[in-house]
PDB file of N, CA and C in Angstrom:
ATOM      1  N   MET A   1      -6.750 -20.161 -15.741  1.00  0.00           N
ATOM      2  CA  MET A   1      -5.656 -19.201 -15.736  1.00  0.00           C
ATOM      3  C   MET A   1      -4.463 -19.516 -14.817  1.00  0.00           C
ATOM      4  N   THR A   2      -3.259 -19.415 -15.195  1.00  0.00           N
ATOM      5  CA  THR A   2      -2.265 -19.791 -14.240  1.00  0.00           C
ATOM      6  C   THR A   2      -1.943 -18.607 -13.391  1.00  0.00           C
ATOM      7  N   GLN A   3      -1.366 -18.831 -12.372  1.00  0.00           N
ATOM      8  CA  GLN A   3      -1.234 -17.558 -11.482  1.00  0.00           C
ATOM      9  C   GLN A   3      -0.071 -16.863 -11.946  1.00  0.00           C
ATOM     10  N   MET A   4      -0.204 -15.371 -11.606  1.00  0.00           N
ATOM     11  CA  MET A   4       0.747 -14.414 -12.085  1.00  0.00           C
ATOM     12  C   MET A   4       1.857 -14.459 -11.185  1.00  0.00           C
ATOM     13  N   THR A   5       3.045 -15.210 -11.431  1.00  0.00           N
ATOM     14  CA  THR A   5       4.076 -15.231 -10.673  1.00  0.00           C
ATOM     15  C   THR A   5       5.377 -15.003 -11.523  1.00  0.00           C
ATOM     16  N   ARG A   6       6.512 -14.830 -10.811  1.00  0.00           N
ATOM     17  CA  ARG A   6       7.796 -14.642 -11.569  1.00  0.00           C
ATOM     18  C   ARG A   6       8.099 -15.760 -12.462  1.00  0.00           C
ATOM     19  N   HIS A   7       7.926 -16.849 -11.983  1.00  0.00           N
ATOM     20  CA  HIS A   7       8.331 -18.176 -12.477  1.00  0.00           C
ATOM     21  C   HIS A   7       7.355 -18.290 -13.697  1.00  0.00           C
ATOM     22  N   GLU A   8       6.070 -18.171 -13.733  1.00  0.00           N
ATOM     23  CA  GLU A   8       5.110 -18.260 -14.747  1.00  0.00           C
ATOM     24  C   GLU A   8       5.455 -17.375 -15.950  1.00  0.00           C
ATOM     25  N   LEU A   9       5.677 -16.058 -15.480  1.00  0.00           N
ATOM     26  CA  LEU A   9       6.003 -15.009 -16.294  1.00  0.00           C
ATOM     27  C   LEU A   9       7.359 -15.366 -17.240  1.00  0.00           C
ATOM     28  N   GLU A  10       8.263 -15.976 -16.576  1.00  0.00           N
ATOM     29  CA  GLU A  10       9.519 -16.514 -17.300  1.00  0.00           C
ATOM     30  C   GLU A  10       9.315 -17.640 -18.182  1.00  0.00           C
ATOM     31  N   ARG A  11       8.186 -18.532 -17.824  1.00  0.00           N
ATOM     32  CA  ARG A  11       7.960 -19.609 -18.650  1.00  0.00           C
ATOM     33  C   ARG A  11       7.139 -19.044 -20.034  1.00  0.00           C
ATOM     34  N   LEU A  12       6.044 -18.228 -19.739  1.00  0.00           N
ATOM     35  CA  LEU A  12       5.284 -17.452 -20.691  1.00  0.00           C
ATOM     36  C   LEU A  12       6.094 -16.872 -21.616  1.00  0.00           C
ATOM     37  N   THR A  13       7.065 -15.905 -21.084  1.00  0.00           N
ATOM     38  CA  THR A  13       8.030 -15.112 -22.011  1.00  0.00           C
ATOM     39  C   THR A  13       8.879 -16.146 -22.936  1.00  0.00           C
ATOM     40  N   ALA A  14       9.488 -17.080 -22.415  1.00  0.00           N
ATOM     41  CA  ALA A  14      10.285 -17.985 -22.972  1.00  0.00           C
ATOM     42  C   ALA A  14       9.327 -18.716 -24.408  1.00  0.00           C
ATOM     43  N   PHE A  15       8.118 -18.987 -23.866  1.00  0.00           N
ATOM     44  CA  PHE A  15       7.335 -19.696 -25.001  1.00  0.00           C
ATOM     45  C   PHE A  15       7.019 -18.662 -26.031  1.00  0.00           C
ATOM     46  N   LEU A  16       6.732 -17.560 -25.728  1.00  0.00           N
ATOM     47  CA  LEU A  16       6.207 -16.458 -26.701  1.00  0.00           C
ATOM     48  C   LEU A  16       7.421 -16.092 -27.522  1.00  0.00           C
ATOM     49  N   THR A  17       8.631 -15.883 -26.875  1.00  0.00           N
ATOM     50  CA  THR A  17       9.755 -15.486 -27.592  1.00  0.00           C
ATOM     51  C   THR A  17      10.005 -16.651 -28.779  1.00  0.00           C
ATOM     52  N   GLU A  18       9.962 -17.820 -28.303  1.00  0.00           N
ATOM     53  CA  GLU A  18      10.231 -18.888 -29.224  1.00  0.00           C
ATOM     54  C   GLU A  18       9.258 -18.818 -30.309  1.00  0.00           C
ATOM     55  N   ARG A  19       7.967 -18.590 -29.991  1.00  0.00           N
ATOM     56  CA  ARG A  19       6.798 -18.770 -31.239  1.00  0.00           C
ATOM     57  C   ARG A  19       7.114 -17.344 -31.989  1.00  0.00           C
ATOM     58  N   ILE A  20       7.512 -16.367 -31.589  1.00  0.00           N
ATOM     59  CA  ILE A  20       7.601 -15.048 -32.285  1.00  0.00           C
ATOM     60  C   ILE A  20       8.615 -15.369 -33.225  1.00  0.00           C
ATOM     61  N   GLY A  21       9.941 -15.770 -32.589  1.00  0.00           N
ATOM     62  CA  GLY A  21      11.062 -16.062 -33.472  1.00  0.00           C
ATOM     63  C   GLY A  21      11.913 -14.707 -33.613  1.00  0.00           C
ATOM     64  N   ALA A  22      13.070 -14.977 -34.119  1.00  0.00           N
ATOM     65  CA  ALA A  22      14.141 -14.055 -34.219  1.00  0.00           C
ATOM     66  C   ALA A  22      13.633 -12.977 -35.382  1.00  0.00           C
ATOM     67  N   PRO A  23      14.372 -11.733 -35.063  1.00  0.00           N
ATOM     68  CA  PRO A  23      13.994 -10.736 -36.055  1.00  0.00           C
ATOM     69  C   PRO A  23      14.551 -11.236 -37.481  1.00  0.00           C
ATOM     70  N   ARG A  24      13.786 -10.843 -38.504  1.00  0.00           N
ATOM     71  CA  ARG A  24      13.997 -11.079 -39.902  1.00  0.00           C
ATOM     72  C   ARG A  24      14.106  -9.862 -40.640  1.00  0.00           C
ATOM     73  N   GLU A  25      14.760  -9.990 -41.736  1.00  0.00           N
ATOM     74  CA  GLU A  25      14.832  -8.959 -42.596  1.00  0.00           C
ATOM     75  C   GLU A  25      14.109  -9.159 -43.923  1.00  0.00           C
ATOM     76  N   SER A  26      13.756 -10.566 -44.219  1.00  0.00           N
ATOM     77  CA  SER A  26      12.912 -10.765 -45.308  1.00  0.00           C
ATOM     78  C   SER A  26      12.086 -12.104 -44.981  1.00  0.00           C
ATOM     79  N   GLY A  27      11.252 -12.301 -46.050  1.00  0.00           N
ATOM     80  CA  GLY A  27      10.096 -13.313 -45.606  1.00  0.00           C
ATOM     81  C   GLY A  27       8.714 -12.784 -45.400  1.00  0.00           C
ATOM     82  N   ASP A  28       7.818 -13.848 -45.587  1.00  0.00           N
ATOM     83  CA  ASP A  28       6.399 -13.432 -45.283  1.00  0.00           C
ATOM     84  C   ASP A  28       6.027 -12.588 -44.348  1.00  0.00           C
ATOM     85  N   HIS A  29       6.616 -12.652 -43.012  1.00  0.00           N
ATOM     86  CA  HIS A  29       6.020 -12.023 -41.718  1.00  0.00           C
ATOM     87  C   HIS A  29       7.332 -11.082 -41.446  1.00  0.00           C
ATOM     88  N   ALA A  30       8.320 -10.803 -42.120  1.00  0.00           N
ATOM     89  CA  ALA A  30       9.465  -9.998 -41.719  1.00  0.00           C
ATOM     90  C   ALA A  30       9.144  -8.790 -40.815  1.00  0.00           C
ATOM     91  N   GLY A  31       8.205  -8.137 -41.326  1.00  0.00           N
ATOM     92  CA  GLY A  31       7.654  -6.692 -40.863  1.00  0.00           C
ATOM     93  C   GLY A  31       7.018  -6.974 -39.634  1.00  0.00           C
ATOM     94  N   GLN A  32       6.601  -8.175 -39.331  1.00  0.00           N
ATOM     95  CA  GLN A  32       5.893  -8.216 -38.096  1.00  0.00           C
ATOM     96  C   GLN A  32       6.599  -8.659 -36.711  1.00  0.00           C
ATOM     97  N   VAL A  33       7.518  -9.455 -36.969  1.00  0.00           N
ATOM     98  CA  VAL A  33       8.313 -10.094 -36.023  1.00  0.00           C
ATOM     99  C   VAL A  33       8.680  -8.898 -34.966  1.00  0.00           C
ATOM    100  N   GLU A  34       9.435  -7.900 -35.352  1.00  0.00           N
ATOM    101  CA  GLU A  34       9.955  -7.049 -34.272  1.00  0.00           C
ATOM    102  C   GLU A  34       8.744  -6.285 -33.730  1.00  0.00           C
ATOM    103  N   PRO A  35       7.810  -5.771 -34.178  1.00  0.00           N
ATOM    104  CA  PRO A  35       6.706  -5.227 -33.315  1.00  0.00           C
ATOM    105  C   PRO A  35       6.068  -6.326 -32.422  1.00  0.00           C
ATOM    106  N   LEU A  36       6.007  -7.440 -32.797  1.00  0.00           N
ATOM    107  CA  LEU A  36       5.532  -8.538 -31.615  1.00  0.00           C
ATOM    108  C   LEU A  36       6.431  -8.529 -30.572  1.00  0.00           C
ATOM    109  N   ARG A  37       7.839  -8.731 -30.860  1.00  0.00           N
ATOM    110  CA  ARG A  37       9.017  -8.802 -29.931  1.00  0.00           C
ATOM    111  C   ARG A  37       8.832  -7.531 -29.188  1.00  0.00           C
ATOM    112  N   ARG A  38       8.688  -6.361 -29.413  1.00  0.00           N
ATOM    113  CA  ARG A  38       8.480  -5.090 -28.716  1.00  0.00           C
ATOM    114  C   ARG A  38       7.368  -5.219 -27.844  1.00  0.00           C
ATOM    115  N   GLN A  39       6.296  -5.577 -28.364  1.00  0.00           N
ATOM    116  CA  GLN A  39       5.072  -5.553 -27.636  1.00  0.00           C
ATOM    117  C   GLN A  39       5.218  -6.650 -26.407  1.00  0.00           C
ATOM    118  N   LEU A  40       5.812  -7.912 -26.763  1.00  0.00           N
ATOM    119  CA  LEU A  40       6.152  -8.724 -25.594  1.00  0.00           C
ATOM    120  C   LEU A  40       6.986  -8.090 -24.630  1.00  0.00           C
ATOM    121  N   ARG A  41       7.891  -7.376 -25.040  1.00  0.00           N
ATOM    122  CA  ARG A  41       8.734  -6.742 -24.035  1.00  0.00           C
ATOM    123  C   ARG A  41       8.239  -5.820 -23.189  1.00  0.00           C
ATOM    124  N   HIS A  42       7.178  -5.021 -23.763  1.00  0.00           N
ATOM    125  CA  HIS A  42       6.729  -3.985 -23.197  1.00  0.00           C
ATOM    126  C   HIS A  42       5.522  -4.515 -21.945  1.00  0.00           C
ATOM    127  N   SER A  43       4.814  -5.670 -22.502  1.00  0.00           N
ATOM    128  CA  SER A  43       3.856  -6.353 -21.699  1.00  0.00           C
ATOM    129  C   SER A  43       4.807  -7.040 -20.329  1.00  0.00           C
ATOM    130  N   VAL A  44       5.925  -7.685 -20.781  1.00  0.00           N
ATOM    131  CA  VAL A  44       6.580  -8.299 -19.668  1.00  0.00           C
ATOM    132  C   VAL A  44       7.094  -7.225 -18.669  1.00  0.00           C
ATOM    133  N   THR A  45       7.554  -6.049 -19.146  1.00  0.00           N
ATOM    134  CA  THR A  45       7.899  -4.937 -18.403  1.00  0.00           C
ATOM    135  C   THR A  45       6.814  -4.282 -17.311  1.00  0.00           C
ATOM    136  N   GLY A  46       5.564  -4.202 -18.001  1.00  0.00           N
ATOM    137  CA  GLY A  46       4.383  -3.839 -17.160  1.00  0.00           C
ATOM    138  C   GLY A  46       4.078  -4.950 -15.958  1.00  0.00           C
ATOM    139  N   ILE A  47       4.218  -6.243 -16.337  1.00  0.00           N
ATOM    140  CA  ILE A  47       3.960  -7.330 -15.446  1.00  0.00           C
ATOM    141  C   ILE A  47       4.881  -7.402 -14.307  1.00  0.00           C
ATOM    142  N   ASP A  48       6.398  -7.218 -14.854  1.00  0.00           N
ATOM    143  CA  ASP A  48       7.570  -7.188 -13.916  1.00  0.00           C
ATOM    144  C   ASP A  48       7.290  -6.141 -12.739  1.00  0.00           C
ATOM    145  N   ALA A  49       6.948  -5.028 -13.297  1.00  0.00           N
ATOM    146  CA  ALA A  49       6.711  -3.785 -12.358  1.00  0.00           C
ATOM    147  C   ALA A  49       5.834  -4.075 -11.225  1.00  0.00           C
ATOM    148  N   TYR A  50       4.784  -4.607 -11.758  1.00  0.00           N
ATOM    149  CA  TYR A  50       3.731  -5.089 -10.673  1.00  0.00           C
ATOM    150  C   TYR A  50       4.279  -6.232  -9.674  1.00  0.00           C
ATOM    151  N   LEU A  51       4.885  -7.098 -10.260  1.00  0.00           N
ATOM    152  CA  LEU A  51       5.550  -8.238  -9.401  1.00  0.00           C
ATOM    153  C   LEU A  51       6.559  -7.749  -8.595  1.00  0.00           C
ATOM    154  N   LEU A  52       7.364  -6.570  -8.804  1.00  0.00           N
ATOM    155  CA  LEU A  52       8.449  -6.004  -8.026  1.00  0.00           C
ATOM    156  C   LEU A  52       7.740  -5.310  -6.900  1.00  0.00           C
ATOM    157  N   ALA A  53       6.828  -4.523  -7.105  1.00  0.00           N
ATOM    158  CA  ALA A  53       6.059  -3.841  -6.320  1.00  0.00           C
ATOM    159  C   ALA A  53       5.322  -4.747  -5.300  1.00  0.00           C
ATOM    160  N   ALA A  54       4.810  -5.684  -5.778  1.00  0.00           N
ATOM    161  CA  ALA A  54       4.026  -6.838  -4.905  1.00  0.00           C
ATOM    162  C   ALA A  54       5.107  -7.460  -3.830  1.00  0.00           C
ATOM    163  N   GLU A  55       6.284  -7.795  -4.481  1.00  0.00           N
ATOM    164  CA  GLU A  55       7.167  -8.347  -3.694  1.00  0.00           C
ATOM    165  C   GLU A  55       7.760  -7.692  -2.690  1.00  0.00           C
ATOM    166  N   SER A  56       7.638  -6.275  -2.703  1.00  0.00           N
ATOM    167  CA  SER A  56       8.287  -5.350  -1.834  1.00  0.00           C
ATOM    168  C   SER A  56       7.329  -4.627  -1.027  1.00  0.00           C
ATOM    169  N   ASP A  57       6.032  -5.307  -1.117  1.00  0.00           N
ATOM    170  CA  ASP A  57       4.824  -4.693  -0.270  1.00  0.00           C
ATOM    171  C   ASP A  57       4.669  -3.273  -0.569  1.00  0.00           C
ATOM    172  N   SER A  58       5.026  -2.846  -1.688  1.00  0.00           N
ATOM    173  CA  SER A  58       4.836  -1.443  -1.993  1.00  0.00           C
ATOM    174  C   SER A  58       3.456  -1.055  -2.272  1.00  0.00           C
ATOM    175  N   PRO A  59       2.911   0.197  -1.763  1.00  0.00           N
ATOM    176  CA  PRO A  59       1.611   0.748  -1.974  1.00  0.00           C
ATOM    177  C   PRO A  59       1.286   0.863  -3.601  1.00  0.00           C
ATOM    178  N   ALA A  60       2.255   0.918  -4.339  1.00  0.00           N
ATOM    179  CA  ALA A  60       1.957   0.948  -5.579  1.00  0.00           C
ATOM    180  C   ALA A  60       1.347  -0.372  -6.301  1.00  0.00           C
ATOM    181  N   ALA A  61       1.638  -1.596  -5.740  1.00  0.00           N
ATOM    182  CA  ALA A  61       1.301  -2.583  -6.347  1.00  0.00           C
ATOM    183  C   ALA A  61      -0.474  -2.622  -6.404  1.00  0.00           C
ATOM    184  N   VAL A  62      -1.227  -2.006  -5.576  1.00  0.00           N
ATOM    185  CA  VAL A  62      -2.444  -2.027  -5.625  1.00  0.00           C
ATOM    186  C   VAL A  62      -2.971  -1.364  -6.946  1.00  0.00           C
ATOM    187  N   HIS A  63      -2.315  -0.333  -7.446  1.00  0.00           N
ATOM    188  CA  HIS A  63      -2.486   0.488  -8.686  1.00  0.00           C
ATOM    189  C   HIS A  63      -2.011  -0.286  -9.872  1.00  0.00           C
ATOM    190  N   LEU A  64      -1.198  -0.920  -9.661  1.00  0.00           N
ATOM    191  CA  LEU A  64      -0.312  -1.746 -10.982  1.00  0.00           C
ATOM    192  C   LEU A  64      -1.125  -3.086 -11.348  1.00  0.00           C
ATOM    193  N   ARG A  65      -1.865  -3.659 -10.306  1.00  0.00           N
ATOM    194  CA  ARG A  65      -2.413  -4.922 -10.436  1.00  0.00           C
ATOM    195  C   ARG A  65      -3.390  -4.938 -11.632  1.00  0.00           C
ATOM    196  N   GLU A  66      -4.297  -4.334 -11.623  1.00  0.00           N
ATOM    197  CA  GLU A  66      -5.186  -4.231 -12.646  1.00  0.00           C
ATOM    198  C   GLU A  66      -4.452  -4.411 -14.311  1.00  0.00           C
ATOM    199  N   ALA A  67      -3.702  -3.417 -14.372  1.00  0.00           N
ATOM    200  CA  ALA A  67      -3.050  -3.312 -15.735  1.00  0.00           C
ATOM    201  C   ALA A  67      -2.073  -4.570 -15.839  1.00  0.00           C
ATOM    202  N   ALA A  68      -1.415  -4.907 -14.824  1.00  0.00           N
ATOM    203  CA  ALA A  68      -0.527  -6.283 -14.929  1.00  0.00           C
ATOM    204  C   ALA A  68      -1.620  -7.478 -15.447  1.00  0.00           C
ATOM    205  N   LEU A  69      -2.667  -7.606 -14.711  1.00  0.00           N
ATOM    206  CA  LEU A  69      -3.547  -8.543 -14.953  1.00  0.00           C
ATOM    207  C   LEU A  69      -3.943  -8.507 -16.468  1.00  0.00           C
ATOM    208  N   ASP A  70      -4.462  -7.394 -16.835  1.00  0.00           N
ATOM    209  CA  ASP A  70      -4.698  -7.288 -18.289  1.00  0.00           C
ATOM    210  C   ASP A  70      -3.575  -7.797 -19.044  1.00  0.00           C
ATOM    211  N   LEU A  71      -2.400  -7.203 -19.027  1.00  0.00           N
ATOM    212  CA  LEU A  71      -1.308  -7.726 -19.840  1.00  0.00           C
ATOM    213  C   LEU A  71      -1.060  -9.253 -19.659  1.00  0.00           C
ATOM    214  N   TRP A  72      -1.192  -9.667 -18.512  1.00  0.00           N
ATOM    215  CA  TRP A  72      -1.024 -11.041 -18.362  1.00  0.00           C
ATOM    216  C   TRP A  72      -1.997 -11.819 -19.063  1.00  0.00           C
ATOM    217  N   GLN A  73      -3.350 -11.602 -19.046  1.00  0.00           N
ATOM    218  CA  GLN A  73      -4.354 -12.389 -19.773  1.00  0.00           C
ATOM    219  C   GLN A  73      -4.153 -12.158 -21.264  1.00  0.00           C
ATOM    220  N   GLY A  74      -3.830 -11.138 -21.830  1.00  0.00           N
ATOM    221  CA  GLY A  74      -3.280 -10.931 -23.305  1.00  0.00           C
ATOM    222  C   GLY A  74      -2.331 -11.776 -23.588  1.00  0.00           C
ATOM    223  N   LEU A  75      -1.153 -12.187 -22.825  1.00  0.00           N
ATOM    224  CA  LEU A  75      -0.146 -12.993 -23.165  1.00  0.00           C
ATOM    225  C   LEU A  75      -0.609 -14.436 -23.249  1.00  0.00           C
ATOM    226  N   GLN A  76      -1.383 -14.669 -22.096  1.00  0.00           N
ATOM    227  CA  GLN A  76      -2.055 -16.045 -21.956  1.00  0.00           C
ATOM    228  C   GLN A  76      -2.683 -16.506 -23.157  1.00  0.00           C
ATOM    229  N   ARG A  77      -3.498 -15.407 -23.647  1.00  0.00           N
ATOM    230  CA  ARG A  77      -4.520 -15.836 -24.879  1.00  0.00           C
ATOM    231  C   ARG A  77      -3.508 -15.972 -25.901  1.00  0.00           C
ATOM    232  N   LEU A  78      -2.724 -15.211 -26.116  1.00  0.00           N
ATOM    233  CA  LEU A  78      -1.864 -15.443 -27.322  1.00  0.00           C
ATOM    234  C   LEU A  78      -0.967 -16.698 -27.226  1.00  0.00           C
ATOM    235  N   ALA A  79      -0.622 -17.149 -26.149  1.00  0.00           N
ATOM    236  CA  ALA A  79       0.128 -18.514 -25.752  1.00  0.00           C
ATOM    237  C   ALA A  79      -0.812 -19.650 -26.073  1.00  0.00           C
ATOM    238  N   GLU A  80      -2.024 -19.437 -25.580  1.00  0.00           N
ATOM    239  CA  GLU A  80      -3.253 -20.477 -25.819  1.00  0.00           C
ATOM    240  C   GLU A  80      -3.310 -20.706 -27.341  1.00  0.00           C
ATOM    241  N   ALA A  81      -3.268 -19.458 -28.036  1.00  0.00           N
ATOM    242  CA  ALA A  81      -3.537 -19.786 -29.408  1.00  0.00           C
ATOM    243  C   ALA A  81      -2.484 -20.546 -30.306  1.00  0.00           C
ATOM    244  N   TRP A  82      -1.221 -20.370 -29.569  1.00  0.00           N
ATOM    245  CA  TRP A  82       0.034 -20.954 -30.301  1.00  0.00           C
ATOM    246  C   TRP A  82       0.491 -22.371 -29.781  1.00  0.00           C
ATOM    247  N   VAL A  83      -0.283 -22.842 -28.628  1.00  0.00           N
ATOM    248  CA  VAL A  83       0.077 -24.197 -28.113  1.00  0.00           C
ATOM    249  C   VAL A  83       0.391 -25.281 -29.218  1.00  0.00           C
ATOM    250  N   ASP A  84      -0.580 -25.515 -30.055  1.00  0.00           N
ATOM    251  CA  ASP A  84      -0.391 -26.566 -31.013  1.00  0.00           C
ATOM    252  C   ASP A  84       0.181 -26.094 -32.376  1.00  0.00           C
ATOM    253  N   THR A  85       0.774 -24.880 -32.505  1.00  0.00           N
ATOM    254  CA  THR A  85       1.228 -24.467 -33.594  1.00  0.00           C
ATOM    255  C   THR A  85       2.557 -24.255 -33.651  1.00  0.00           C
ATOM    256  N   PRO A  86       3.394 -24.991 -34.709  1.00  0.00           N
ATOM    257  CA  PRO A  86       4.792 -25.119 -34.587  1.00  0.00           C
ATOM    258  C   PRO A  86       5.487 -23.900 -35.049  1.00  0.00           C
ATOM    259  N   ALA A  87       4.774 -23.027 -35.882  1.00  0.00           N
ATOM    260  CA  ALA A  87       5.510 -21.897 -36.437  1.00  0.00           C
ATOM    261  C   ALA A  87       4.563 -20.745 -36.047  1.00  0.00           C
ATOM    262  N   PRO A  88       5.041 -19.529 -35.843  1.00  0.00           N
ATOM    263  CA  PRO A  88       4.235 -18.529 -35.458  1.00  0.00           C
ATOM    264  C   PRO A  88       3.393 -18.140 -36.550  1.00  0.00           C
ATOM    265  N   PRO A  89       2.033 -17.896 -36.211  1.00  0.00           N
ATOM    266  CA  PRO A  89       1.010 -17.336 -37.109  1.00  0.00           C
ATOM    267  C   PRO A  89       1.082 -15.854 -37.136  1.00  0.00           C
ATOM    268  N   ALA A  90       2.045 -15.087 -37.752  1.00  0.00           N
ATOM    269  CA  ALA A  90       2.283 -13.790 -37.564  1.00  0.00           C
ATOM    270  C   ALA A  90       1.100 -12.726 -37.683  1.00  0.00           C
ATOM    271  N   PRO A  91       0.255 -13.045 -38.729  1.00  0.00           N
ATOM    272  CA  PRO A  91      -0.726 -12.052 -38.913  1.00  0.00           C
ATOM    273  C   PRO A  91      -1.694 -12.229 -37.700  1.00  0.00           C
ATOM    274  N   GLU A  92      -2.097 -13.409 -37.295  1.00  0.00           N
ATOM    275  CA  GLU A  92      -2.813 -13.584 -36.202  1.00  0.00           C
ATOM    276  C   GLU A  92      -2.430 -13.195 -34.996  1.00  0.00           C
ATOM    277  N   ALA A  93      -1.219 -13.215 -34.976  1.00  0.00           N
ATOM    278  CA  ALA A  93      -0.484 -12.713 -33.442  1.00  0.00           C
ATOM    279  C   ALA A  93      -0.347 -11.111 -33.434  1.00  0.00           C
ATOM    280  N   ALA A  94      -0.245 -10.653 -34.569  1.00  0.00           N
ATOM    281  CA  ALA A  94      -0.252  -9.229 -34.541  1.00  0.00           C
ATOM    282  C   ALA A  94      -1.749  -8.651 -34.177  1.00  0.00           C
ATOM    283  N   ALA A  95      -2.629  -9.274 -34.716  1.00  0.00           N
ATOM    284  CA  ALA A  95      -4.048  -8.869 -34.396  1.00  0.00           C
ATOM    285  C   ALA A  95      -4.260  -9.130 -33.004  1.00  0.00           C
ATOM    286  N   ALA A  96      -3.787 -10.235 -32.556  1.00  0.00           N
ATOM    287  CA  ALA A  96      -4.242 -10.616 -31.101  1.00  0.00           C
ATOM    288  C   ALA A  96      -3.550  -9.620 -30.052  1.00  0.00           C
ATOM    289  N   LEU A  97      -2.324  -9.275 -30.453  1.00  0.00           N
ATOM    290  CA  LEU A  97      -1.626  -8.561 -29.676  1.00  0.00           C
ATOM    291  C   LEU A  97      -2.112  -7.098 -29.583  1.00  0.00           C
ATOM    292  N   GLY A  98      -2.635  -6.695 -30.865  1.00  0.00           N
ATOM    293  CA  GLY A  98      -2.998  -5.423 -30.976  1.00  0.00           C
ATOM    294  C   GLY A  98      -4.485  -5.275 -30.435  1.00  0.00           C
ATOM    295  N   ALA A  99      -5.080  -6.443 -30.381  1.00  0.00           N
ATOM    296  CA  ALA A  99      -6.485  -6.306 -29.869  1.00  0.00           C
ATOM    297  C   ALA A  99      -6.690  -6.701 -28.418  1.00  0.00           C
ATOM    298  N   ASP A 100      -5.732  -7.652 -27.910  1.00  0.00           N
ATOM    299  CA  ASP A 100      -5.793  -8.064 -26.616  1.00  0.00           C
ATOM    300  C   ASP A 100      -4.786  -7.776 -25.614  1.00  0.00           C
ATOM    301  N   VAL A 101      -3.733  -7.266 -26.093  1.00  0.00           N
ATOM    302  CA  VAL A 101      -2.806  -6.880 -25.296  1.00  0.00           C
ATOM    303  C   VAL A 101      -2.511  -5.437 -25.127  1.00  0.00           C
ATOM    304  N   PRO A 102      -3.186  -4.481 -23.872  1.00  0.00           N
ATOM    305  CA  PRO A 102      -2.715  -3.169 -23.966  1.00  0.00           C
ATOM    306  C   PRO A 102      -1.449  -2.858 -23.986  1.00  0.00           C
ATOM    307  N   ALA A 103      -0.974  -1.701 -24.374  1.00  0.00           N
ATOM    308  CA  ALA A 103       0.477  -1.234 -24.185  1.00  0.00           C
ATOM    309  C   ALA A 103       0.807  -1.069 -22.852  1.00  0.00           C
ATOM    310  N   ALA A 104       2.024  -1.307 -22.549  1.00  0.00           N
ATOM    311  CA  ALA A 104       2.407  -1.121 -21.194  1.00  0.00           C
ATOM    312  C   ALA A 104       2.316   0.220 -20.770  1.00  0.00           C
ATOM    313  N   ARG A 105       2.012   0.380 -19.476  1.00  0.00           N
ATOM    314  CA  ARG A 105       1.395   1.967 -19.233  1.00  0.00           C
ATOM    315  C   ARG A 105       2.744   2.420 -18.386  1.00  0.00           C
TER     316      ARG A 105
END
C-alpha cells in the first residue's frame, strides 16, 4: 500500500478520474459515470480533510485518520482493479465503490 500523502492522493485521483471518464448522456454505462465521479469526489474530500488536519497538527486528525484510511484503501483497490484495463469497467467499478469505499463522513 502506498503512503497516504497529498502527492499520492493527487496521483490516485488523476488515475481514477481518467478511468471513470467524462460524464455521458448515452451509452452502456452513462448512468454510472456521474455516481462514480461523485463518490470519488466525496472520498477525496474525506482524505483531504484528514491530510489538512494532520498537516496543521490538529487534534481532529486522530479522529479522522481511520475514516480517511478506509477511503484511501477503497480507492486503491479500485485503482488496482483498473491498472491493466484501458476502459473503465463501469458495472464492476460501481460495485467496488459501493462495497469497498464508504461514503465520506
